[in-house]
Amino acid sequence: MNQGVNFESTAVVSDSAVTTLKDLGTLGNKKNGVYFIGNSYPSSYTTNPGVARFNSEVDQYGNVPGIAKSTVSRIETGEGAWEGVHLVAQALAGVKTISSASLVAALNTVGPTQFGGMVPFDLRTPAFPTTGTFSVLGSLRIFNNEMMVSRVVNGQIVPCVKGFIPVSQAFKITNSACQLSAKS
């Protein structure tokens, strides 16, 4: 910022699993304009039914003794952990004997699915091909190839696109509040 960077006219992108709105707090209102990419709708975007459910369950079950519910951090990694608990519970629902082998076998049958405000995924097959441009990714246990693009607007993180978008394709920002301005 002291070097003249204006987030309204310069695209600054961060991973929403690594950087949170709270992390940008020292920037004050100058944080407006920062873009985020990640695996979920922002946890404040409660018009999404999955995000609303996440927040409701955090309110209901996420109370830590001595910590006010309003201060519980609601970030992408929290949404992912919440989704993981539900996913494992659903996968093990019909398993008669619980073991690491039965958990892996049960999880290998999950998909395609989309839970809460998280990106859709399929645990049955890798998301990337084993040949071509993204072949190195095809050898990893990555089960989705889509992302959410969001931006800090008026101090809040808002989605910039309609739904999740493929990471390997060009996309258009559909929320006009997320457009870069021409002013510098």
N, C-alpha and C. Protein backbone atom coordinates (compact mmCIF):
# COMPACT_ATOMS: atom_id res chain seq x y z
N MET A 1 0.82 -1.18 0.00
CA MET A 1 0.00 0.00 0.00
C MET A 1 0.87 1.25 0.00
N ASN A 2 1.93 1.27 0.79
CA ASN A 2 2.80 2.43 0.83
C ASN A 2 3.54 2.61 -0.48
N GLN A 3 3.61 1.57 -1.29
CA GLN A 3 4.29 1.66 -2.57
C GLN A 3 3.33 2.06 -3.69
N GLY A 4 2.10 2.39 -3.36
CA GLY A 4 1.15 2.87 -4.35
C GLY A 4 0.23 1.82 -4.92
N VAL A 5 0.19 0.62 -4.37
CA VAL A 5 -0.70 -0.42 -4.88
C VAL A 5 -2.14 -0.10 -4.48
N ASN A 6 -3.02 -0.15 -5.46
CA ASN A 6 -4.44 0.08 -5.22
C ASN A 6 -5.17 -1.21 -5.59
N PHE A 7 -5.75 -1.91 -4.61
CA PHE A 7 -6.40 -3.19 -4.86
C PHE A 7 -7.66 -3.05 -5.72
N GLU A 8 -8.12 -1.83 -5.93
CA GLU A 8 -9.28 -1.64 -6.80
C GLU A 8 -8.89 -1.68 -8.28
N SER A 9 -7.62 -1.37 -8.57
CA SER A 9 -7.20 -1.37 -9.97
C SER A 9 -6.08 -2.37 -10.25
N THR A 10 -5.56 -3.01 -9.22
CA THR A 10 -4.52 -4.03 -9.37
C THR A 10 -5.04 -5.33 -8.76
N ALA A 11 -5.03 -6.40 -9.53
CA ALA A 11 -5.53 -7.67 -9.02
C ALA A 11 -4.51 -8.32 -8.10
N VAL A 12 -4.87 -8.43 -6.84
CA VAL A 12 -4.06 -9.14 -5.84
C VAL A 12 -4.89 -10.34 -5.42
N VAL A 13 -4.36 -11.54 -5.62
CA VAL A 13 -5.11 -12.77 -5.39
C VAL A 13 -4.44 -13.59 -4.30
N SER A 14 -5.25 -14.11 -3.37
CA SER A 14 -4.73 -14.96 -2.30
C SER A 14 -5.59 -16.21 -2.19
N ASP A 15 -5.03 -17.25 -1.64
CA ASP A 15 -5.74 -18.50 -1.41
C ASP A 15 -6.59 -18.33 -0.14
N SER A 16 -7.89 -18.57 -0.24
CA SER A 16 -8.78 -18.36 0.90
C SER A 16 -8.58 -19.39 2.01
N ALA A 17 -7.84 -20.45 1.75
CA ALA A 17 -7.52 -21.41 2.81
C ALA A 17 -6.30 -20.96 3.61
N VAL A 18 -5.56 -20.01 3.07
CA VAL A 18 -4.33 -19.55 3.71
C VAL A 18 -4.49 -18.16 4.32
N THR A 19 -5.17 -17.28 3.61
CA THR A 19 -5.36 -15.91 4.06
C THR A 19 -6.84 -15.68 4.32
N THR A 20 -7.13 -15.05 5.44
CA THR A 20 -8.53 -14.78 5.81
C THR A 20 -8.76 -13.27 5.85
N LEU A 21 -10.01 -12.91 5.94
CA LEU A 21 -10.37 -11.50 6.07
C LEU A 21 -9.72 -10.92 7.33
N LYS A 22 -9.67 -11.71 8.39
CA LYS A 22 -9.05 -11.27 9.64
C LYS A 22 -7.56 -10.97 9.42
N ASP A 23 -6.90 -11.79 8.60
CA ASP A 23 -5.48 -11.56 8.30
C ASP A 23 -5.26 -10.19 7.64
N LEU A 24 -6.25 -9.72 6.91
CA LEU A 24 -6.14 -8.43 6.22
C LEU A 24 -6.57 -7.26 7.10
N GLY A 25 -6.93 -7.55 8.34
CA GLY A 25 -7.46 -6.54 9.25
C GLY A 25 -6.59 -5.31 9.41
N THR A 26 -5.28 -5.48 9.40
CA THR A 26 -4.39 -4.32 9.59
C THR A 26 -4.47 -3.34 8.43
N LEU A 27 -5.02 -3.78 7.30
CA LEU A 27 -5.16 -2.88 6.15
C LEU A 27 -6.37 -1.96 6.27
N GLY A 28 -7.23 -2.21 7.26
CA GLY A 28 -8.44 -1.39 7.40
C GLY A 28 -9.29 -1.46 6.16
N ASN A 29 -9.86 -0.31 5.75
CA ASN A 29 -10.72 -0.33 4.56
C ASN A 29 -9.91 -0.45 3.27
N LYS A 30 -8.59 -0.42 3.36
CA LYS A 30 -7.75 -0.59 2.16
C LYS A 30 -7.70 -2.04 1.71
N LYS A 31 -8.25 -2.96 2.50
CA LYS A 31 -8.28 -4.37 2.09
C LYS A 31 -9.30 -4.60 0.98
N ASN A 32 -10.22 -3.66 0.79
CA ASN A 32 -11.20 -3.80 -0.28
C ASN A 32 -10.49 -3.99 -1.61
N GLY A 33 -10.95 -4.96 -2.36
CA GLY A 33 -10.39 -5.23 -3.67
C GLY A 33 -9.54 -6.49 -3.75
N VAL A 34 -9.10 -7.03 -2.60
CA VAL A 34 -8.31 -8.25 -2.62
C VAL A 34 -9.18 -9.41 -3.10
N TYR A 35 -8.69 -10.19 -4.03
CA TYR A 35 -9.40 -11.37 -4.52
C TYR A 35 -8.97 -12.60 -3.74
N PHE A 36 -9.89 -13.55 -3.61
CA PHE A 36 -9.58 -14.84 -3.01
C PHE A 36 -10.00 -15.94 -3.99
N ILE A 37 -9.21 -17.00 -4.05
CA ILE A 37 -9.63 -18.21 -4.74
C ILE A 37 -9.62 -19.32 -3.70
N GLY A 38 -10.53 -20.27 -3.85
CA GLY A 38 -10.56 -21.35 -2.88
C GLY A 38 -11.61 -22.39 -3.18
N ASN A 39 -11.87 -23.21 -2.16
CA ASN A 39 -12.76 -24.36 -2.31
C ASN A 39 -14.17 -24.15 -1.79
N SER A 40 -14.51 -22.94 -1.39
CA SER A 40 -15.85 -22.77 -0.84
C SER A 40 -16.36 -21.35 -1.04
N TYR A 41 -17.67 -21.25 -0.90
CA TYR A 41 -18.26 -19.92 -0.81
C TYR A 41 -17.76 -19.29 0.49
N PRO A 42 -17.65 -17.98 0.55
CA PRO A 42 -17.26 -17.34 1.81
C PRO A 42 -18.23 -17.73 2.93
N SER A 43 -17.70 -17.93 4.13
CA SER A 43 -18.54 -18.36 5.26
C SER A 43 -19.55 -17.29 5.67
N SER A 44 -19.39 -16.09 5.18
CA SER A 44 -20.36 -15.02 5.47
C SER A 44 -21.47 -14.97 4.42
N TYR A 45 -21.36 -15.75 3.36
CA TYR A 45 -22.34 -15.74 2.26
C TYR A 45 -23.49 -16.68 2.60
N THR A 46 -24.28 -16.29 3.57
CA THR A 46 -25.32 -17.17 4.12
C THR A 46 -26.56 -17.29 3.24
N THR A 47 -26.59 -16.61 2.09
CA THR A 47 -27.69 -16.86 1.16
C THR A 47 -27.53 -18.22 0.48
N ASN A 48 -26.31 -18.77 0.54
CA ASN A 48 -26.09 -20.14 0.06
C ASN A 48 -26.57 -21.08 1.16
N PRO A 49 -27.50 -22.00 0.87
CA PRO A 49 -28.04 -22.88 1.91
C PRO A 49 -26.98 -23.70 2.65
N GLY A 50 -25.94 -24.15 1.95
CA GLY A 50 -24.89 -24.92 2.60
C GLY A 50 -24.09 -24.08 3.59
N VAL A 51 -23.81 -22.84 3.22
CA VAL A 51 -23.09 -21.94 4.11
C VAL A 51 -23.96 -21.60 5.32
N ALA A 52 -25.26 -21.41 5.08
CA ALA A 52 -26.18 -21.14 6.19
C ALA A 52 -26.19 -22.33 7.15
N ARG A 53 -26.19 -23.55 6.61
CA ARG A 53 -26.18 -24.74 7.47
C ARG A 53 -24.89 -24.82 8.27
N PHE A 54 -23.76 -24.55 7.63
CA PHE A 54 -22.46 -24.53 8.33
C PHE A 54 -22.52 -23.57 9.51
N ASN A 55 -22.96 -22.35 9.26
CA ASN A 55 -23.02 -21.36 10.33
C ASN A 55 -24.00 -21.76 11.43
N SER A 56 -25.13 -22.33 11.05
CA SER A 56 -26.11 -22.78 12.03
C SER A 56 -25.53 -23.88 12.93
N GLU A 57 -24.83 -24.83 12.32
CA GLU A 57 -24.24 -25.92 13.11
C GLU A 57 -23.08 -25.43 13.96
N VAL A 58 -22.31 -24.47 13.47
CA VAL A 58 -21.26 -23.89 14.31
C VAL A 58 -21.90 -23.19 15.51
N ASP A 59 -22.99 -22.47 15.25
CA ASP A 59 -23.70 -21.81 16.36
C ASP A 59 -24.22 -22.83 17.36
N GLN A 60 -24.73 -23.94 16.84
CA GLN A 60 -25.36 -24.95 17.70
C GLN A 60 -24.34 -25.83 18.42
N TYR A 61 -23.33 -26.29 17.70
CA TYR A 61 -22.41 -27.28 18.25
C TYR A 61 -20.98 -26.80 18.44
N GLY A 62 -20.65 -25.65 17.90
CA GLY A 62 -19.27 -25.21 17.91
C GLY A 62 -18.86 -24.37 19.10
N ASN A 63 -19.67 -24.36 20.12
CA ASN A 63 -19.35 -23.54 21.27
C ASN A 63 -18.18 -24.12 22.05
N VAL A 64 -17.18 -23.33 22.24
CA VAL A 64 -16.02 -23.71 23.04
C VAL A 64 -16.17 -23.00 24.38
N PRO A 65 -16.10 -23.74 25.48
CA PRO A 65 -16.26 -23.09 26.79
C PRO A 65 -15.32 -21.90 26.95
N GLY A 66 -15.87 -20.78 27.35
CA GLY A 66 -15.08 -19.58 27.58
C GLY A 66 -14.84 -18.73 26.34
N ILE A 67 -15.31 -19.18 25.17
CA ILE A 67 -15.13 -18.42 23.94
C ILE A 67 -16.52 -18.10 23.37
N ALA A 68 -16.78 -16.83 23.16
CA ALA A 68 -18.07 -16.42 22.62
C ALA A 68 -18.23 -16.95 21.20
N LYS A 69 -19.44 -17.41 20.87
CA LYS A 69 -19.69 -17.95 19.53
C LYS A 69 -19.38 -16.94 18.44
N SER A 70 -19.58 -15.67 18.72
CA SER A 70 -19.35 -14.66 17.71
C SER A 70 -17.87 -14.54 17.35
N THR A 71 -16.98 -15.05 18.20
CA THR A 71 -15.55 -14.96 17.92
C THR A 71 -14.99 -16.24 17.29
N VAL A 72 -15.82 -17.28 17.16
CA VAL A 72 -15.35 -18.51 16.53
C VAL A 72 -15.05 -18.20 15.06
N SER A 73 -13.83 -18.54 14.63
CA SER A 73 -13.40 -18.23 13.28
C SER A 73 -14.16 -19.08 12.27
N ARG A 74 -14.75 -18.46 11.31
CA ARG A 74 -15.52 -19.15 10.27
C ARG A 74 -14.85 -18.90 8.94
N ILE A 75 -13.92 -19.78 8.64
CA ILE A 75 -13.10 -19.63 7.44
C ILE A 75 -13.18 -20.89 6.61
N GLU A 76 -12.58 -20.87 5.44
CA GLU A 76 -12.65 -22.00 4.52
C GLU A 76 -12.15 -23.29 5.14
N THR A 77 -11.07 -23.24 5.89
CA THR A 77 -10.56 -24.47 6.50
C THR A 77 -11.56 -25.03 7.50
N GLY A 78 -12.29 -24.16 8.19
CA GLY A 78 -13.35 -24.61 9.10
C GLY A 78 -14.49 -25.25 8.34
N GLU A 79 -14.86 -24.66 7.21
CA GLU A 79 -15.92 -25.25 6.38
C GLU A 79 -15.48 -26.63 5.88
N GLY A 80 -14.22 -26.75 5.49
CA GLY A 80 -13.71 -28.03 5.01
C GLY A 80 -13.71 -29.09 6.10
N ALA A 81 -13.32 -28.71 7.31
CA ALA A 81 -13.32 -29.66 8.43
C ALA A 81 -14.75 -30.08 8.75
N TRP A 82 -15.67 -29.14 8.75
CA TRP A 82 -17.09 -29.42 9.01
C TRP A 82 -17.62 -30.39 7.96
N GLU A 83 -17.29 -30.12 6.69
CA GLU A 83 -17.72 -31.01 5.61
C GLU A 83 -17.13 -32.40 5.80
N GLY A 84 -15.86 -32.48 6.19
CA GLY A 84 -15.19 -33.76 6.39
C GLY A 84 -15.86 -34.61 7.45
N VAL A 85 -16.27 -33.99 8.54
CA VAL A 85 -16.97 -34.72 9.61
C VAL A 85 -18.26 -35.31 9.07
N HIS A 86 -19.03 -34.50 8.35
CA HIS A 86 -20.28 -35.01 7.77
C HIS A 86 -20.03 -36.10 6.74
N LEU A 87 -19.02 -35.92 5.92
CA LEU A 87 -18.71 -36.89 4.88
C LEU A 87 -18.32 -38.23 5.47
N VAL A 88 -17.46 -38.24 6.48
CA VAL A 88 -17.04 -39.49 7.11
C VAL A 88 -18.24 -40.15 7.80
N ALA A 89 -19.06 -39.36 8.48
CA ALA A 89 -20.25 -39.93 9.14
C ALA A 89 -21.18 -40.58 8.12
N GLN A 90 -21.39 -39.92 6.98
CA GLN A 90 -22.25 -40.48 5.94
C GLN A 90 -21.63 -41.73 5.33
N ALA A 91 -20.33 -41.68 5.07
CA ALA A 91 -19.66 -42.82 4.44
C ALA A 91 -19.67 -44.05 5.36
N LEU A 92 -19.56 -43.83 6.66
CA LEU A 92 -19.52 -44.96 7.60
C LEU A 92 -20.89 -45.42 8.08
N ALA A 93 -21.93 -44.72 7.66
CA ALA A 93 -23.28 -45.04 8.15
C ALA A 93 -23.67 -46.51 7.95
N GLY A 94 -23.29 -47.09 6.84
CA GLY A 94 -23.68 -48.47 6.57
C GLY A 94 -22.59 -49.50 6.83
N VAL A 95 -21.46 -49.07 7.35
CA VAL A 95 -20.34 -49.97 7.59
C VAL A 95 -20.55 -50.72 8.91
N LYS A 96 -20.44 -52.05 8.86
CA LYS A 96 -20.68 -52.86 10.06
C LYS A 96 -19.49 -52.88 11.01
N THR A 97 -18.28 -52.97 10.46
CA THR A 97 -17.07 -52.97 11.29
C THR A 97 -16.23 -51.77 10.91
N ILE A 98 -15.96 -50.91 11.87
CA ILE A 98 -15.20 -49.69 11.61
C ILE A 98 -13.70 -49.96 11.78
N SER A 99 -12.96 -49.69 10.72
CA SER A 99 -11.51 -49.83 10.73
C SER A 99 -10.96 -48.85 9.70
N SER A 100 -9.66 -48.68 9.67
CA SER A 100 -9.09 -47.79 8.67
C SER A 100 -9.38 -48.32 7.26
N ALA A 101 -9.32 -49.64 7.09
CA ALA A 101 -9.60 -50.23 5.77
C ALA A 101 -11.05 -50.01 5.36
N SER A 102 -11.98 -50.17 6.31
CA SER A 102 -13.39 -49.96 5.96
C SER A 102 -13.69 -48.49 5.69
N LEU A 103 -12.98 -47.59 6.38
CA LEU A 103 -13.15 -46.15 6.12
C LEU A 103 -12.67 -45.81 4.71
N VAL A 104 -11.48 -46.28 4.35
CA VAL A 104 -10.95 -46.02 3.01
C VAL A 104 -11.88 -46.60 1.95
N ALA A 105 -12.34 -47.82 2.15
CA ALA A 105 -13.25 -48.46 1.19
C ALA A 105 -14.54 -47.65 1.06
N ALA A 106 -15.08 -47.20 2.18
CA ALA A 106 -16.33 -46.42 2.15
C ALA A 106 -16.11 -45.08 1.46
N LEU A 107 -15.02 -44.41 1.76
CA LEU A 107 -14.75 -43.10 1.14
C LEU A 107 -14.50 -43.24 -0.36
N ASN A 108 -13.92 -44.36 -0.78
CA ASN A 108 -13.67 -44.57 -2.21
C ASN A 108 -14.94 -44.76 -3.02
N THR A 109 -16.11 -44.82 -2.37
CA THR A 109 -17.39 -44.94 -3.08
C THR A 109 -18.14 -43.61 -3.13
N VAL A 110 -17.60 -42.57 -2.51
CA VAL A 110 -18.30 -41.28 -2.41
C VAL A 110 -18.10 -40.46 -3.67
N GLY A 111 -19.21 -40.05 -4.27
CA GLY A 111 -19.15 -39.13 -5.39
C GLY A 111 -20.08 -39.53 -6.51
N PRO A 112 -20.32 -38.62 -7.40
CA PRO A 112 -20.02 -37.20 -7.24
C PRO A 112 -20.93 -36.60 -6.17
N THR A 113 -20.41 -35.63 -5.44
CA THR A 113 -21.18 -35.01 -4.38
C THR A 113 -20.78 -33.56 -4.20
N GLN A 114 -21.62 -32.83 -3.56
CA GLN A 114 -21.34 -31.44 -3.20
C GLN A 114 -22.02 -31.22 -1.86
N PHE A 115 -21.27 -30.76 -0.88
CA PHE A 115 -21.81 -30.63 0.46
C PHE A 115 -21.61 -29.21 0.95
N GLY A 116 -22.65 -28.65 1.53
CA GLY A 116 -22.53 -27.31 2.07
C GLY A 116 -22.13 -26.31 1.00
N GLY A 117 -21.27 -25.40 1.37
CA GLY A 117 -20.81 -24.38 0.43
C GLY A 117 -19.49 -24.73 -0.21
N MET A 118 -19.09 -26.01 -0.09
CA MET A 118 -17.80 -26.46 -0.61
C MET A 118 -17.91 -26.87 -2.08
N VAL A 119 -16.78 -26.89 -2.75
CA VAL A 119 -16.68 -27.26 -4.15
C VAL A 119 -17.16 -28.71 -4.35
N PRO A 120 -17.81 -29.00 -5.48
CA PRO A 120 -18.21 -30.39 -5.76
C PRO A 120 -16.97 -31.27 -5.95
N PHE A 121 -17.10 -32.55 -5.61
CA PHE A 121 -15.96 -33.45 -5.75
C PHE A 121 -16.45 -34.88 -5.92
N ASP A 122 -15.50 -35.74 -6.30
CA ASP A 122 -15.78 -37.16 -6.51
C ASP A 122 -14.57 -37.94 -6.01
N LEU A 123 -14.72 -38.64 -4.89
CA LEU A 123 -13.59 -39.39 -4.31
C LEU A 123 -13.29 -40.68 -5.06
N ARG A 124 -14.13 -41.03 -6.03
CA ARG A 124 -13.92 -42.27 -6.77
C ARG A 124 -12.85 -42.15 -7.83
N THR A 125 -12.64 -40.94 -8.35
CA THR A 125 -11.68 -40.76 -9.44
C THR A 125 -10.93 -39.44 -9.26
N PRO A 126 -9.67 -39.39 -9.69
CA PRO A 126 -8.93 -38.13 -9.64
C PRO A 126 -9.58 -37.08 -10.55
N ALA A 127 -9.47 -35.83 -10.17
CA ALA A 127 -10.11 -34.75 -10.93
C ALA A 127 -9.34 -34.36 -12.18
N PHE A 128 -8.06 -34.72 -12.25
CA PHE A 128 -7.24 -34.33 -13.39
C PHE A 128 -6.79 -35.57 -14.15
N PRO A 129 -6.65 -35.47 -15.48
CA PRO A 129 -6.21 -36.61 -16.28
C PRO A 129 -4.74 -36.95 -16.00
N THR A 130 -4.35 -38.15 -16.35
CA THR A 130 -2.96 -38.58 -16.14
C THR A 130 -2.09 -38.29 -17.36
N THR A 131 -2.68 -37.70 -18.40
CA THR A 131 -1.91 -37.31 -19.58
C THR A 131 -2.26 -35.86 -19.93
N GLY A 132 -1.38 -35.22 -20.67
CA GLY A 132 -1.65 -33.86 -21.11
C GLY A 132 -1.13 -32.79 -20.15
N THR A 133 -1.68 -31.59 -20.30
CA THR A 133 -1.20 -30.41 -19.59
C THR A 133 -1.17 -30.58 -18.07
N PHE A 134 -2.20 -31.16 -17.50
CA PHE A 134 -2.29 -31.27 -16.05
C PHE A 134 -1.94 -32.68 -15.56
N SER A 135 -1.14 -33.43 -16.33
CA SER A 135 -0.86 -34.82 -15.99
C SER A 135 -0.20 -34.99 -14.63
N VAL A 136 0.64 -34.06 -14.21
CA VAL A 136 1.27 -34.19 -12.90
C VAL A 136 0.21 -34.15 -11.79
N LEU A 137 -0.85 -33.39 -12.00
CA LEU A 137 -1.93 -33.33 -11.01
C LEU A 137 -2.75 -34.61 -10.99
N GLY A 138 -2.78 -35.32 -12.13
CA GLY A 138 -3.53 -36.57 -12.21
C GLY A 138 -2.99 -37.67 -11.32
N SER A 139 -1.73 -37.57 -10.93
CA SER A 139 -1.14 -38.59 -10.07
C SER A 139 -1.38 -38.30 -8.58
N LEU A 140 -1.91 -37.14 -8.27
CA LEU A 140 -2.17 -36.76 -6.88
C LEU A 140 -3.61 -37.07 -6.49
N ARG A 141 -3.87 -37.16 -5.21
CA ARG A 141 -5.23 -37.43 -4.73
C ARG A 141 -5.98 -36.11 -4.62
N ILE A 142 -6.28 -35.52 -5.79
CA ILE A 142 -7.06 -34.29 -5.89
C ILE A 142 -8.39 -34.68 -6.52
N PHE A 143 -9.49 -34.34 -5.84
CA PHE A 143 -10.79 -34.86 -6.27
C PHE A 143 -11.72 -33.78 -6.80
N ASN A 144 -11.22 -32.59 -7.02
CA ASN A 144 -12.02 -31.57 -7.69
C ASN A 144 -11.10 -30.69 -8.49
N ASN A 145 -11.64 -30.10 -9.52
CA ASN A 145 -10.85 -29.20 -10.36
C ASN A 145 -11.57 -27.88 -10.57
N GLU A 146 -12.30 -27.48 -9.55
CA GLU A 146 -13.04 -26.23 -9.62
C GLU A 146 -12.67 -25.33 -8.44
N MET A 147 -13.04 -24.07 -8.56
CA MET A 147 -12.74 -23.12 -7.50
C MET A 147 -13.83 -22.07 -7.41
N MET A 148 -13.81 -21.36 -6.30
CA MET A 148 -14.66 -20.19 -6.09
C MET A 148 -13.75 -18.97 -6.16
N VAL A 149 -14.21 -17.94 -6.81
CA VAL A 149 -13.49 -16.67 -6.85
C VAL A 149 -14.32 -15.66 -6.07
N SER A 150 -13.70 -15.02 -5.09
CA SER A 150 -14.38 -14.04 -4.25
C SER A 150 -13.51 -12.80 -4.16
N ARG A 151 -14.10 -11.75 -3.59
CA ARG A 151 -13.36 -10.49 -3.45
C ARG A 151 -13.85 -9.75 -2.21
N VAL A 152 -12.96 -8.99 -1.61
CA VAL A 152 -13.34 -8.14 -0.49
C VAL A 152 -14.02 -6.89 -1.05
N VAL A 153 -15.29 -6.72 -0.71
CA VAL A 153 -16.08 -5.58 -1.15
C VAL A 153 -16.74 -4.98 0.09
N ASN A 154 -16.48 -3.73 0.34
CA ASN A 154 -17.03 -3.05 1.52
C ASN A 154 -16.76 -3.84 2.80
N GLY A 155 -15.55 -4.38 2.91
CA GLY A 155 -15.14 -5.08 4.12
C GLY A 155 -15.66 -6.50 4.26
N GLN A 156 -16.38 -7.01 3.26
CA GLN A 156 -16.92 -8.38 3.30
C GLN A 156 -16.43 -9.16 2.09
N ILE A 157 -16.28 -10.47 2.25
CA ILE A 157 -15.90 -11.32 1.12
C ILE A 157 -17.18 -11.73 0.39
N VAL A 158 -17.25 -11.45 -0.91
CA VAL A 158 -18.43 -11.78 -1.70
C VAL A 158 -18.01 -12.62 -2.91
N PRO A 159 -18.86 -13.57 -3.33
CA PRO A 159 -18.56 -14.35 -4.54
C PRO A 159 -18.54 -13.45 -5.77
N CYS A 160 -17.63 -13.73 -6.68
CA CYS A 160 -17.50 -12.97 -7.91
C CYS A 160 -18.04 -13.71 -9.12
N VAL A 161 -18.31 -15.00 -8.97
CA VAL A 161 -18.77 -15.84 -10.07
C VAL A 161 -20.03 -16.59 -9.63
N LYS A 162 -20.77 -17.08 -10.61
CA LYS A 162 -21.96 -17.89 -10.29
C LYS A 162 -21.54 -19.34 -10.22
N GLY A 163 -21.47 -19.87 -9.02
CA GLY A 163 -21.09 -21.26 -8.85
C GLY A 163 -19.59 -21.45 -8.97
N PHE A 164 -19.18 -22.69 -8.90
CA PHE A 164 -17.77 -23.02 -8.97
C PHE A 164 -17.34 -23.09 -10.43
N ILE A 165 -16.09 -22.73 -10.69
CA ILE A 165 -15.58 -22.67 -12.05
C ILE A 165 -14.34 -23.54 -12.19
N PRO A 166 -14.12 -24.16 -13.36
CA PRO A 166 -12.94 -24.99 -13.57
C PRO A 166 -11.65 -24.17 -13.45
N VAL A 167 -10.64 -24.73 -12.79
CA VAL A 167 -9.38 -24.02 -12.61
C VAL A 167 -8.60 -23.90 -13.91
N SER A 168 -8.91 -24.73 -14.89
CA SER A 168 -8.13 -24.76 -16.13
C SER A 168 -8.75 -23.94 -17.25
N GLN A 169 -9.81 -23.19 -16.96
CA GLN A 169 -10.48 -22.44 -18.01
C GLN A 169 -10.59 -20.96 -17.65
N ALA A 170 -10.58 -20.14 -18.68
CA ALA A 170 -10.82 -18.71 -18.47
C ALA A 170 -12.26 -18.55 -17.96
N PHE A 171 -12.51 -17.52 -17.19
CA PHE A 171 -13.86 -17.30 -16.66
C PHE A 171 -14.18 -15.81 -16.65
N LYS A 172 -15.44 -15.52 -16.50
CA LYS A 172 -15.89 -14.13 -16.42
C LYS A 172 -16.40 -13.85 -15.02
N ILE A 173 -16.07 -12.68 -14.52
CA ILE A 173 -16.61 -12.24 -13.24
C ILE A 173 -18.04 -11.79 -13.50
N THR A 174 -18.99 -12.37 -12.76
CA THR A 174 -20.40 -12.07 -12.98
C THR A 174 -20.97 -11.08 -11.97
N ASN A 175 -20.27 -10.83 -10.89
CA ASN A 175 -20.72 -9.87 -9.88
C ASN A 175 -20.02 -8.55 -10.17
N SER A 176 -20.77 -7.52 -10.58
CA SER A 176 -20.16 -6.26 -10.98
C SER A 176 -19.37 -5.61 -9.86
N ALA A 177 -19.70 -5.90 -8.61
CA ALA A 177 -18.95 -5.36 -7.47
C ALA A 177 -17.52 -5.89 -7.43
N CYS A 178 -17.25 -6.97 -8.16
CA CYS A 178 -15.92 -7.60 -8.15
C CYS A 178 -15.02 -7.13 -9.28
N GLN A 179 -15.53 -6.29 -10.17
CA GLN A 179 -14.72 -5.84 -11.30
C GLN A 179 -13.61 -4.89 -10.85
N LEU A 180 -12.46 -4.98 -11.48
CA LEU A 180 -11.41 -4.00 -11.26
C LEU A 180 -11.86 -2.67 -11.82
N SER A 181 -11.48 -1.59 -11.19
CA SER A 181 -11.83 -0.27 -11.71
C SER A 181 -10.69 0.22 -12.59
N ALA A 182 -10.99 1.19 -13.42
CA ALA A 182 -9.98 1.75 -14.31
C ALA A 182 -9.13 2.78 -13.59
N LYS A 183 -9.60 3.27 -12.44
CA LYS A 183 -8.83 4.31 -11.73
C LYS A 183 -7.64 3.69 -11.01
N SER A 184 -6.59 4.44 -10.86
CA SER A 184 -5.41 3.92 -10.15
C SER A 184 -5.09 4.76 -8.94
